[in-house]
Protein backbone atom coordinates (compact mmCIF):
# COMPACT_ATOMS: atom_id res chain seq x y z
CA MET A 1 125.89 99.14 232.31
CA ALA A 2 125.53 95.27 232.57
CA ARG A 3 128.68 92.83 231.03
CA ARG A 4 128.18 91.44 228.05
CA PHE A 5 128.85 87.84 226.80
CA ARG A 6 132.29 88.37 224.98
CA GLY A 7 133.94 85.98 222.72
CA GLU A 8 134.50 81.99 222.38
CA SER A 9 134.39 79.02 223.68
CA THR A 10 134.19 74.58 222.36
CA HIS A 11 133.65 72.57 225.92
CA LYS A 12 133.61 69.27 225.90
CA VAL A 13 130.83 67.05 226.24
CA ASP A 14 130.23 64.07 229.11
CA ALA A 15 127.99 61.34 228.19
CA LYS A 16 125.45 63.31 230.77
CA GLY A 17 125.17 66.16 229.00
CA ARG A 18 127.07 67.62 231.48
CA VAL A 19 128.92 71.31 230.17
CA SER A 20 131.96 73.78 231.11
CA ILE A 21 130.55 76.93 230.36
CA PRO A 22 133.01 79.98 230.15
CA ALA A 23 134.91 81.05 233.89
CA PRO A 24 134.05 84.83 232.01
CA PHE A 25 130.35 84.19 231.47
CA ARG A 26 129.86 82.58 234.03
CA ARG A 27 130.29 86.22 236.00
CA VAL A 28 128.02 87.99 233.24
CA LEU A 29 124.96 85.57 235.30
CA GLU A 30 125.77 86.11 238.38
CA GLU A 31 125.75 90.00 237.64
CA GLY A 32 122.41 88.95 236.02
CA ASP A 33 120.66 87.13 238.22
CA PRO A 34 119.41 89.89 241.71
CA ASP A 35 119.74 86.90 244.44
CA TRP A 36 122.79 85.23 242.98
CA THR A 37 125.38 86.06 245.87
CA GLU A 38 128.90 84.81 247.16
CA GLY A 39 128.16 81.10 247.03
CA LEU A 40 126.05 80.75 245.34
CA ASN A 41 125.08 79.01 242.04
CA PRO A 42 124.14 81.69 238.95
CA ASN A 43 120.60 80.47 237.37
CA MET A 44 120.37 80.96 233.91
CA VAL A 45 117.17 80.82 231.12
CA LEU A 46 118.28 78.55 228.33
CA VAL A 47 116.18 78.93 225.16
CA TYR A 48 115.13 76.30 222.61
CA GLY A 49 112.24 77.39 221.16
CA GLY A 50 112.45 78.20 217.85
CA LYS A 51 111.62 75.64 214.77
CA SER A 52 114.22 76.52 212.56
CA ARG A 53 116.86 77.48 215.56
CA ASN A 54 120.31 75.19 215.38
CA TYR A 55 121.73 77.30 218.56
CA ILE A 56 119.84 76.78 222.07
CA GLU A 57 120.28 80.43 224.08
CA GLY A 58 121.73 81.73 227.25
CA TYR A 59 119.88 84.72 228.76
CA THR A 60 121.03 85.95 232.36
CA MET A 61 117.84 87.01 233.72
CA LYS A 62 118.12 89.92 234.02
CA SER A 63 118.00 89.94 229.97
CA MET A 64 115.02 87.18 230.19
CA ASP A 65 112.73 89.48 232.74
CA ASP A 66 113.34 92.09 229.28
CA VAL A 67 112.44 90.27 227.05
CA ASP A 68 109.25 88.24 229.46
CA ASP A 69 108.48 92.60 229.39
CA LEU A 70 108.68 93.26 226.27
CA ILE A 71 106.04 90.12 226.05
CA ALA A 72 103.79 91.03 228.22
CA GLY A 73 103.27 94.13 226.26
CA LEU A 74 102.17 93.19 223.79
CA GLN A 75 98.18 92.52 223.10
CA ARG A 76 96.56 89.02 225.48
CA GLY A 77 95.35 86.23 223.02
CA SER A 78 97.85 87.92 219.53
CA GLN A 79 99.50 85.52 217.42
CA ARG A 80 102.35 87.57 218.26
CA ARG A 81 102.09 86.91 221.97
CA ARG A 82 101.29 83.33 221.38
CA ALA A 83 103.57 82.57 219.22
CA LEU A 84 106.40 84.28 221.31
CA GLU A 85 105.30 83.07 225.21
CA LEU A 86 105.99 79.78 223.98
CA MET A 87 108.82 80.28 222.40
CA PHE A 88 110.39 81.93 225.15
CA SER A 89 108.60 80.73 228.39
CA GLY A 90 107.37 76.89 227.19
CA GLN A 91 110.71 76.31 225.11
CA SER A 92 112.92 77.28 227.49
CA VAL A 93 114.10 76.42 230.44
CA GLN A 94 115.98 77.53 234.34
CA LEU A 95 118.82 75.77 235.41
CA SER A 96 121.46 77.11 238.02
CA VAL A 97 124.93 76.77 236.69
CA ASP A 98 126.12 74.17 239.18
CA GLU A 99 129.48 74.43 241.89
CA THR A 100 131.48 73.16 240.04
CA GLY A 101 130.84 75.86 236.26
CA ARG A 102 128.36 73.47 234.32
CA LEU A 103 124.75 73.22 233.14
CA VAL A 104 123.49 70.34 232.85
CA LEU A 105 121.82 69.71 228.59
CA SER A 106 119.28 67.26 228.62
CA PRO A 107 119.09 64.47 225.89
CA LYS A 108 115.90 66.46 224.86
CA LEU A 109 118.71 69.82 224.36
CA ARG A 110 120.55 68.11 222.85
CA GLU A 111 118.47 65.99 219.96
CA LYS A 112 117.45 69.95 218.67
CA ILE A 113 120.74 70.94 218.28
CA ASN A 114 122.36 67.71 217.30
CA ILE A 115 125.29 68.30 220.37
CA LYS A 116 127.30 64.94 220.32
CA SER A 117 130.72 65.38 222.71
CA GLU A 118 131.08 68.80 221.82
CA ALA A 119 129.17 72.15 221.88
CA ILE A 120 130.58 75.96 221.40
CA PHE A 121 129.71 78.29 223.19
CA VAL A 122 129.23 82.22 221.52
CA ALA A 123 128.97 84.93 222.93
CA THR A 124 126.17 88.05 221.47
CA GLY A 125 125.98 91.23 224.18
CA ASP A 126 123.70 90.37 226.26
CA THR A 127 123.35 86.62 226.01
CA PHE A 128 124.39 83.43 224.57
CA GLN A 129 124.42 80.90 222.40
CA ILE A 130 124.73 77.02 222.96
CA TRP A 131 125.68 75.49 219.38
CA GLU A 132 127.35 72.03 217.55
CA PRO A 133 130.21 72.80 216.13
CA SER A 134 130.37 71.98 212.23
CA ALA A 135 127.23 74.30 212.69
CA TYR A 136 128.27 76.95 214.19
CA ASP A 137 131.60 76.57 211.35
CA ASP A 138 128.93 76.75 208.45
CA TYR A 139 126.29 79.74 210.18
CA VAL A 140 129.55 81.49 210.15
CA THR A 141 130.65 81.13 206.69
CA SER A 142 126.76 82.17 205.59
CA LEU A 143 127.57 85.40 207.47
CA GLU A 144 131.08 86.12 206.02
CA ASP A 145 128.98 84.90 202.60
CA TRP A 146 127.17 87.68 203.08
CA VAL A 147 129.63 90.32 204.30
CA GLU A 148 131.62 89.78 201.53
CA GLU A 149 128.53 90.04 199.20
CA GLU A 150 126.69 93.52 200.86
CA VAL A 151 129.08 95.32 201.94
CA ASP A 152 132.32 97.08 199.92
CA ASP A 153 134.32 98.44 203.74
CA VAL A 154 134.04 95.00 204.75
CA ASP A 155 135.40 96.74 207.88
CA PRO A 156 132.45 95.42 210.67
CA LEU A 157 131.89 99.10 211.85
CA THR A 158 130.89 99.88 208.29
CA LEU A 159 127.60 97.76 209.24
CA LEU A 160 126.63 99.28 211.95
CA ASP A 161 124.21 101.94 212.17
CA THR A 162 125.75 105.17 214.07
CA SER A 163 122.95 107.44 213.28
CA THR A 164 121.59 106.79 216.81
CA LEU A 165 125.14 107.49 219.26
CA ASP A 166 124.53 111.42 220.56
CA GLY A 167 127.14 113.32 218.02
CA ALA A 168 128.30 110.09 215.69
CA GLU A 169 128.38 110.67 211.92
CA GLY A 170 126.35 108.33 209.83
């Protein structure tokens, strides 16, 4: 099984939009890039599509290939396929991590999520998200409120569907 992104980390964004990727995230990006070898910089994809998204989502090359394969399995010309092609192909950018472990967030990407001087990287398993810190704080608060309203026992394991696990009781 491939490594997964874990944790969250806040980083400064300079005037040119350069921001350091957390070192553990870089290891996952390297492993998820079939063209990466020692001495090269890993490639990745940033998806910014979706009008209501207030974050940018980072994909390894392998994870993006998996999404592309799912989209390719949809009927050509269907509205669903067209929408997903727009969000995941048209409204995305492929880039390389630079030799110092940074990526450049273009002015368009920074404006999309209102990043000024800091960005928070948040792991989401096989992808990660880049947020403006106060927007992320608001999102976390809304999720915590939902958990308190929806779940009697706030142990996060109670939110998992264990019925698909071998030998697990649901």
